Amino acid sequence: MISPSENAPRTIDIGLDLLDRQLLDRDERPAGKVDDVELTFDEDGVPVLTAILSGPGALAPRLGRLADLVASWRLRLEGRAEPGRVPFGSVTRMRPDVRLAISREELDSMVSERWATRIVRRIPGAR
């Protein structure tokens, strides 16, 4: 996990420090991109970053209404209602990519990747 000095409360610019960054799992394998974040508010009303959201359900709202409809359809086909969620406690390092302490097989966001791979694999000549 992030070391205590890095884990101290601090301000980050979500747009510069997180959004669209590559996620790498504990074995440094690609595990998606940071498409959105989940914030909660502490008792003083200060926003606290609690999770990274990844996958089509997280990215689509940033792209517009049509993309949002397609993503919700795709999530339903996958049997999910929410985008992939990576607890922020799993982040070990940020910049230039976001390193995680867990394997990509443990991530909800990789369900979309596995689903897309199964579909594309069936297309003739798509190897």
Protein backbone atom coordinates (compact mmCIF):
# COMPACT_ATOMS: atom_id res chain seq x y z
CA MET A 1 0.00 0.00 0.00
CA ILE A 2 0.99 3.65 -0.14
CA SER A 3 3.63 4.41 2.50
CA PRO A 4 2.54 6.41 5.58
CA SER A 5 4.21 9.58 4.32
CA GLU A 6 2.31 9.28 1.04
CA ASN A 7 -0.88 8.19 2.82
CA ALA A 8 -1.14 11.39 4.87
CA PRO A 9 -4.12 13.57 3.96
CA ARG A 10 -3.22 15.66 0.96
CA THR A 11 -4.77 17.33 -2.00
CA ILE A 12 -4.58 15.72 -5.42
CA ASP A 13 -5.79 17.02 -8.74
CA ILE A 14 -8.00 14.19 -9.96
CA GLY A 15 -7.87 15.42 -13.57
CA LEU A 16 -4.07 15.60 -13.65
CA ASP A 17 -3.05 12.87 -11.21
CA LEU A 18 -5.61 10.14 -11.91
CA LEU A 19 -8.09 10.36 -14.78
CA ASP A 20 -7.09 8.42 -17.90
CA ARG A 21 -3.98 6.97 -16.21
CA GLN A 22 -3.04 3.35 -16.88
CA LEU A 23 -3.77 0.90 -14.06
CA LEU A 24 -1.05 -1.70 -13.51
CA ASP A 25 -1.62 -4.72 -11.28
CA ARG A 26 0.88 -6.12 -8.76
CA ASP A 27 2.67 -7.95 -11.59
CA GLU A 28 2.86 -4.73 -13.66
CA ARG A 29 0.28 -6.03 -16.16
CA PRO A 30 -2.21 -3.56 -17.66
CA ALA A 31 -5.47 -3.61 -15.72
CA GLY A 32 -7.49 -0.86 -17.41
CA LYS A 33 -7.61 2.91 -17.13
CA VAL A 34 -8.86 5.29 -14.47
CA ASP A 35 -12.17 6.42 -15.96
CA ASP A 36 -13.76 8.05 -12.91
CA VAL A 37 -13.41 8.20 -9.14
CA GLU A 38 -15.67 7.65 -6.13
CA LEU A 39 -15.65 10.32 -3.44
CA THR A 40 -17.21 10.21 0.00
CA PHE A 41 -17.36 13.05 2.50
CA ASP A 42 -15.94 12.91 6.02
CA GLU A 43 -17.70 14.40 9.05
CA ASP A 44 -16.27 17.85 8.23
CA GLY A 45 -17.60 17.70 4.66
CA VAL A 46 -14.16 17.19 3.14
CA PRO A 47 -14.19 14.90 0.06
CA VAL A 48 -12.16 11.70 0.45
CA LEU A 49 -11.15 9.54 -2.50
CA THR A 50 -12.43 6.04 -1.73
CA ALA A 51 -12.27 4.19 -5.06
CA ILE A 52 -11.18 4.28 -8.68
CA LEU A 53 -13.87 3.42 -11.22
CA SER A 54 -12.85 1.71 -14.43
CA GLY A 55 -14.53 0.21 -17.48
CA PRO A 56 -17.33 1.22 -19.82
CA GLY A 57 -19.83 2.05 -17.06
CA ALA A 58 -17.43 4.60 -15.59
CA LEU A 59 -16.19 6.20 -18.80
CA ALA A 60 -19.50 6.51 -20.65
CA PRO A 61 -21.03 9.41 -18.67
CA ARG A 62 -18.01 11.52 -19.65
CA LEU A 63 -18.65 10.77 -23.34
CA GLY A 64 -22.33 11.68 -23.62
CA ARG A 65 -25.82 10.22 -23.67
CA LEU A 66 -25.34 7.68 -26.50
CA ALA A 67 -22.18 6.25 -24.93
CA ASP A 68 -23.98 6.07 -21.59
CA LEU A 69 -26.82 4.04 -23.16
CA VAL A 70 -24.39 1.64 -24.86
CA ALA A 71 -22.42 1.17 -21.62
CA SER A 72 -25.54 0.45 -19.57
CA TRP A 73 -26.61 -2.12 -22.19
CA ARG A 74 -23.16 -3.72 -22.06
CA LEU A 75 -23.17 -3.85 -18.25
CA ARG A 76 -26.56 -5.58 -18.33
CA LEU A 77 -25.19 -8.18 -20.76
CA GLU A 78 -22.34 -8.78 -18.31
CA GLY A 79 -24.85 -9.17 -15.46
CA ARG A 80 -23.64 -6.08 -13.61
CA ALA A 81 -25.25 -2.81 -12.68
CA GLU A 82 -22.18 -0.79 -11.68
CA PRO A 83 -18.80 0.03 -13.22
CA GLY A 84 -15.66 -1.74 -12.01
CA ARG A 85 -14.56 -0.44 -8.61
CA VAL A 86 -10.97 -0.52 -7.29
CA PRO A 87 -10.68 0.44 -3.60
CA PHE A 88 -8.23 3.32 -3.24
CA GLY A 89 -6.51 1.36 -0.46
CA SER A 90 -5.21 -0.97 -3.20
CA VAL A 91 -3.18 1.82 -4.79
CA THR A 92 0.53 1.58 -4.03
CA ARG A 93 1.82 4.39 -6.25
CA MET A 94 0.60 7.12 -8.56
CA ARG A 95 2.42 8.78 -11.46
CA PRO A 96 2.93 8.27 -14.28
CA ASP A 97 0.68 5.24 -13.95
CA VAL A 98 -1.39 3.89 -11.05
CA ARG A 99 0.11 0.79 -9.45
CA LEU A 100 -2.09 -1.64 -7.54
CA ALA A 101 -1.32 -4.18 -4.81
CA ILE A 102 -3.76 -6.69 -6.30
CA SER A 103 -3.89 -8.87 -9.40
CA ARG A 104 -5.99 -7.75 -12.36
CA GLU A 105 -7.97 -11.00 -12.10
CA GLU A 106 -9.37 -9.65 -8.82
CA LEU A 107 -10.73 -6.49 -10.46
CA ASP A 108 -14.36 -5.96 -11.46
CA SER A 109 -13.18 -3.74 -14.32
CA MET A 110 -11.55 -6.70 -16.06
CA VAL A 111 -14.96 -8.37 -16.51
CA SER A 112 -15.56 -6.02 -19.45
CA GLU A 113 -12.21 -6.94 -20.97
CA ARG A 114 -12.92 -10.66 -20.69
CA TRP A 115 -16.42 -10.13 -22.12
CA ALA A 116 -15.09 -8.14 -25.10
CA THR A 117 -12.37 -10.73 -25.75
CA ARG A 118 -14.97 -13.52 -25.93
CA ILE A 119 -17.02 -11.52 -28.46
CA VAL A 120 -14.07 -10.43 -30.62
CA ARG A 121 -12.59 -13.95 -30.62
CA ARG A 122 -15.68 -15.16 -32.49
CA ILE A 123 -15.19 -12.73 -35.37
CA PRO A 124 -13.47 -14.47 -38.31
CA GLY A 125 -9.92 -13.20 -38.78
CA ALA A 126 -9.85 -11.33 -35.45
CA ARG A 127 -6.76 -13.04 -34.07
